[in-house]
Protein backbone atom coordinates (compact mmCIF):
# COMPACT_ATOMS: atom_id res chain seq x y z
CA MET A 1 -27.38 -0.52 7.75
CA ARG A 2 -24.45 0.23 10.43
CA ASP A 3 -22.28 -1.94 7.54
CA ALA A 4 -23.12 0.50 5.05
CA TYR A 5 -22.13 2.99 6.96
CA HIS A 6 -18.64 1.86 7.65
CA GLU A 7 -18.24 0.70 4.41
CA GLU A 8 -19.30 4.74 3.39
CA LEU A 9 -16.22 5.80 6.47
CA ASP A 10 -13.90 2.65 4.24
CA SER A 11 -14.79 4.50 0.84
CA ILE A 12 -13.53 7.75 2.32
CA SER A 13 -10.78 6.59 3.17
CA ASP A 14 -9.79 4.54 0.38
CA GLY A 15 -10.43 7.99 -1.37
CA LEU A 16 -7.99 9.79 0.29
CA VAL A 17 -5.51 7.32 -0.36
CA GLU A 18 -6.04 7.44 -4.63
CA MET A 19 -5.40 11.07 -3.73
CA ALA A 20 -2.39 10.67 -2.50
CA ARG A 21 -1.71 8.83 -4.74
CA LEU A 22 -2.52 11.75 -7.91
CA VAL A 23 -0.76 14.38 -5.72
CA GLY A 24 2.75 12.28 -5.55
CA SER A 25 2.50 11.62 -9.50
CA ALA A 26 1.59 15.13 -10.00
CA MET A 27 4.58 15.82 -8.33
CA GLY A 28 7.37 13.91 -9.93
CA ARG A 29 5.73 14.75 -13.27
CA ALA A 30 5.67 18.38 -12.41
CA THR A 31 9.49 18.42 -11.38
CA THR A 32 11.02 16.72 -14.60
CA ALA A 33 8.74 19.02 -16.15
CA LEU A 34 10.40 21.72 -14.56
CA LEU A 35 13.75 20.41 -15.60
CA ASP A 36 13.62 19.26 -18.32
CA ALA A 37 11.14 22.04 -19.70
CA ASP A 38 9.19 19.50 -21.32
CA LEU A 39 6.08 21.47 -21.81
CA SER A 40 3.42 18.46 -22.75
CA LEU A 41 4.03 17.16 -19.51
CA ALA A 42 3.88 20.45 -17.65
CA GLU A 43 0.66 20.80 -19.71
CA SER A 44 -0.61 17.52 -18.56
CA VAL A 45 0.03 17.79 -14.81
CA ILE A 46 -2.14 21.50 -14.43
CA ALA A 47 -4.81 19.47 -16.46
CA ALA A 48 -5.11 16.35 -14.28
CA ASP A 49 -5.34 19.00 -10.92
CA GLU A 50 -8.67 18.61 -12.24
CA LYS A 51 -9.64 15.05 -11.52
CA VAL A 52 -7.92 15.58 -7.64
CA ASN A 53 -10.33 18.79 -7.35
CA THR A 54 -13.09 16.47 -8.62
CA LEU A 55 -12.22 14.25 -5.56
CA HIS A 56 -11.86 16.43 -2.70
CA HIS A 57 -15.15 17.76 -3.93
CA ASP A 58 -17.29 14.28 -3.96
CA LEU A 59 -14.76 13.57 -0.60
CA GLU A 60 -16.21 16.21 0.96
CA ASN A 61 -20.09 15.97 -0.16
CA ARG A 62 -20.01 12.58 1.08
CA ALA A 63 -18.76 13.41 4.40
CA ILE A 64 -20.98 16.00 5.06
CA ASP A 65 -23.81 13.67 3.52
CA LEU A 66 -22.68 11.26 6.25
CA LEU A 67 -22.30 14.14 8.62
CA ALA A 68 -25.78 15.26 8.11
CA ARG A 69 -27.73 11.66 8.02
CA GLN A 70 -25.80 9.67 10.84
CA GLN A 71 -24.94 11.83 13.13
CA PRO A 72 -21.70 10.26 13.89
CA VAL A 73 -20.14 10.53 17.39
CA ALA A 74 -16.84 9.61 19.47
CA THR A 75 -14.16 7.76 16.88
CA ASP A 76 -16.98 8.28 13.66
CA LEU A 77 -17.06 11.85 14.18
CA ARG A 78 -13.75 12.17 13.84
CA ILE A 79 -13.08 9.85 11.39
CA VAL A 80 -15.24 11.97 9.16
CA VAL A 81 -13.97 15.95 10.37
CA THR A 82 -10.54 14.88 9.95
CA SER A 83 -10.77 13.50 6.45
CA LEU A 84 -12.74 16.45 5.93
CA ARG A 85 -8.94 18.38 6.57
CA MET A 86 -6.70 15.24 5.12
CA SER A 87 -9.11 16.22 2.07
CA ALA A 88 -7.87 19.64 2.01
CA ASP A 89 -4.81 19.30 2.86
CA LEU A 90 -4.03 16.90 -0.41
CA GLU A 91 -6.08 19.26 -2.63
CA ARG A 92 -3.46 21.95 -1.67
CA CYS A 93 -0.50 19.63 -2.22
CA GLY A 94 -2.32 18.94 -5.93
CA ASP A 95 -2.17 22.80 -6.45
CA LEU A 96 1.70 23.20 -5.78
CA ALA A 97 2.24 20.37 -8.23
CA ARG A 98 0.14 22.65 -10.79
CA HIS A 99 2.13 25.82 -9.81
CA VAL A 100 5.61 24.00 -10.26
CA ALA A 101 4.24 22.83 -13.85
CA LYS A 102 3.23 26.23 -14.32
CA VAL A 103 6.67 27.62 -13.94
CA ALA A 104 7.77 24.95 -15.95
CA ARG A 105 5.46 26.02 -18.57
CA LEU A 106 6.18 29.78 -18.32
CA ARG A 107 10.06 29.36 -18.86
CA PHE A 108 8.99 27.39 -21.71
CA PRO A 109 11.61 26.68 -23.86
CA GLU A 110 14.35 27.70 -21.40
CA THR A 111 14.81 25.34 -18.19
CA ALA A 112 13.43 27.74 -15.11
CA VAL A 113 16.19 26.16 -12.88
CA PRO A 114 20.02 26.85 -13.70
CA ASN A 115 21.69 23.46 -14.37
CA ASP A 116 24.12 23.76 -11.04
CA LEU A 117 20.33 23.94 -9.09
CA HIS A 118 19.30 20.95 -11.01
CA PRO A 119 20.06 18.16 -7.92
CA ILE A 120 18.84 19.84 -5.42
CA VAL A 121 15.62 20.69 -7.13
CA LEU A 122 15.29 16.84 -7.84
CA GLU A 123 15.82 15.74 -4.62
CA MET A 124 13.64 18.15 -3.36
CA GLY A 125 11.20 16.58 -5.91
CA GLN A 126 11.60 12.84 -4.91
CA LEU A 127 11.90 13.60 -1.25
CA ALA A 128 7.91 15.43 -1.64
CA GLN A 129 6.81 12.80 -3.26
CA ARG A 130 8.19 10.23 -1.00
CA LEU A 131 6.52 11.91 1.48
CA VAL A 132 3.27 12.38 0.16
CA ALA A 133 3.22 8.45 -0.36
CA LYS A 134 3.87 7.74 2.82
CA ALA A 135 0.82 10.28 3.97
CA GLY A 136 -0.97 7.66 1.84
CA LEU A 137 -0.33 4.90 3.17
CA VAL A 138 -0.74 5.74 7.14
CA ILE A 139 -3.94 6.77 6.12
CA ALA A 140 -4.77 3.05 4.61
CA THR A 141 -2.93 1.65 7.32
CA LYS A 142 -3.91 3.81 10.20
CA ASP A 143 -0.45 3.36 11.69
CA VAL A 144 0.44 5.97 14.32
CA HIS A 145 4.37 5.46 14.52
CA LYS A 146 4.97 5.60 11.31
CA ALA A 147 2.78 8.70 11.09
CA LEU A 148 5.24 9.75 13.55
CA GLU A 149 8.02 9.83 11.17
CA LEU A 150 6.76 12.01 8.90
CA GLU A 151 8.14 15.24 10.98
CA SER A 152 11.65 13.77 10.98
CA ASP A 153 11.43 13.00 7.23
CA ASP A 154 10.34 16.56 6.45
CA ASP A 155 13.41 17.79 7.83
CA ALA A 156 15.51 16.59 4.83
CA ILE A 157 13.23 18.76 2.69
CA ASP A 158 13.82 21.99 4.73
CA ALA A 159 17.62 21.91 4.59
CA LEU A 160 17.27 21.63 0.77
CA HIS A 161 14.68 24.75 0.95
CA ARG A 162 17.87 25.97 3.37
CA GLU A 163 20.40 25.05 0.76
CA LEU A 164 18.55 26.61 -2.16
CA PHE A 165 18.48 29.77 -0.46
CA SER A 166 22.19 30.02 0.07
CA HIS A 167 22.66 29.50 -3.45
CA LEU A 168 20.36 32.15 -4.15
CA LEU A 169 22.08 34.73 -1.46
CA ASP A 170 25.68 34.12 -3.03
CA ASP A 171 27.49 36.61 -4.24
CA ARG A 172 28.45 34.40 -6.56
CA TRP A 173 25.09 34.39 -7.87
CA GLN A 174 24.95 34.97 -11.79
CA HIS A 175 21.70 33.67 -13.13
CA GLY A 176 19.35 36.70 -12.55
CA ILE A 177 16.72 38.09 -10.87
CA GLU A 178 13.71 36.22 -12.94
CA THR A 179 15.21 33.27 -12.33
CA ALA A 180 15.81 33.64 -8.97
CA VAL A 181 12.30 34.55 -8.19
CA ASP A 182 11.37 30.79 -10.22
CA VAL A 183 13.73 29.32 -8.10
CA THR A 184 12.44 31.00 -4.76
CA LEU A 185 8.82 29.96 -6.21
CA VAL A 186 9.58 26.44 -6.63
CA GLY A 187 11.38 26.14 -3.60
CA ARG A 188 8.43 26.89 -2.07
CA TYR A 189 6.11 24.83 -3.41
CA TYR A 190 8.04 21.47 -2.76
CA GLU A 191 8.27 22.61 1.11
CA ARG A 192 4.64 23.43 1.87
CA PHE A 193 3.99 20.38 -0.12
CA ALA A 194 5.71 18.21 1.92
CA ASP A 195 4.31 20.49 4.95
CA HIS A 196 0.49 19.48 3.99
CA ALA A 197 1.75 15.77 3.73
CA VAL A 198 3.36 16.10 7.25
CA SER A 199 -0.22 17.74 8.18
CA VAL A 200 -2.37 14.53 6.97
CA ALA A 201 -0.28 12.27 8.96
CA LYS A 202 -0.82 14.32 12.17
CA ARG A 203 -4.57 14.18 11.67
CA VAL A 204 -3.83 10.63 11.17
CA VAL A 205 -2.29 10.33 14.64
CA TYR A 206 -5.44 12.37 16.23
CA LEU A 207 -8.03 9.95 14.16
CA VAL A 208 -6.42 7.17 15.94
CA THR A 209 -5.38 8.03 19.31
CA GLY A 210 -7.99 11.76 19.84
CA GLU A 211 -4.95 13.75 20.44
CA HIS A 212 -3.16 15.60 18.71
CA VAL A 213 0.72 15.39 17.79
CA ASP A 214 2.39 17.50 20.43
CA ASP A 215 -0.15 15.98 23.28
CA PHE A 216 0.40 12.58 22.33
CA VAL A 217 4.31 12.42 22.01
CA ALA A 218 4.58 14.14 25.71
CA THR A 219 1.85 11.59 27.36
CA ALA A 220 4.22 9.18 25.41
CA ASP A 221 7.05 10.17 26.73
CA THR A 222 6.00 10.55 30.28
CA PRO A 223 7.23 7.84 32.68
CA ILE A 224 4.28 5.94 34.78
CA SER A 225 4.61 6.44 37.74
CA GLY A 226 3.88 4.04 39.88
């Protein structure tokens, strides 16, 4: 009976890894659709988000069912509760990829992002994809040290986000208000996507150690006296 129970816990973890894979792929394809003004690709990203939502609801139902039937305690309880929260983070990542694709669809046949900003947005998309892939790896391996790396990895997206804003605020901006709004939204979508990936990694730290990231880091950095 307990073996079946732990198999269910493992299957929830596998589902989270699959969600991370799906939302990473979605953001990569949404970025291509945005920069290439590819309407069919944008539509496919928007439609595929339903699969992420379905997986999210399935994981949620399974986790709640485990809580009701098994009444887990200690580490097992942390796994179930933390999995619910990670699933919500990853579902939100899927929504943000869909938002990027919707901007691409809205401006078709034009490109929503001016050519001179393509390199920044492309790099933001690639970094966002790598961050959530790393989050998926952290879920699978429960590697606390790798989980802690994501916050510093996220700094690169934040820097690009600031660079994007510096272009929008430049007196030489010549692309109009509508484009400025599009770029502002897109930049925010990438930044929030990365934040949710970092949140997933932080939840893994809590799952493994029983401590929140700040407390765990403070404890790890405290010299042992004696």
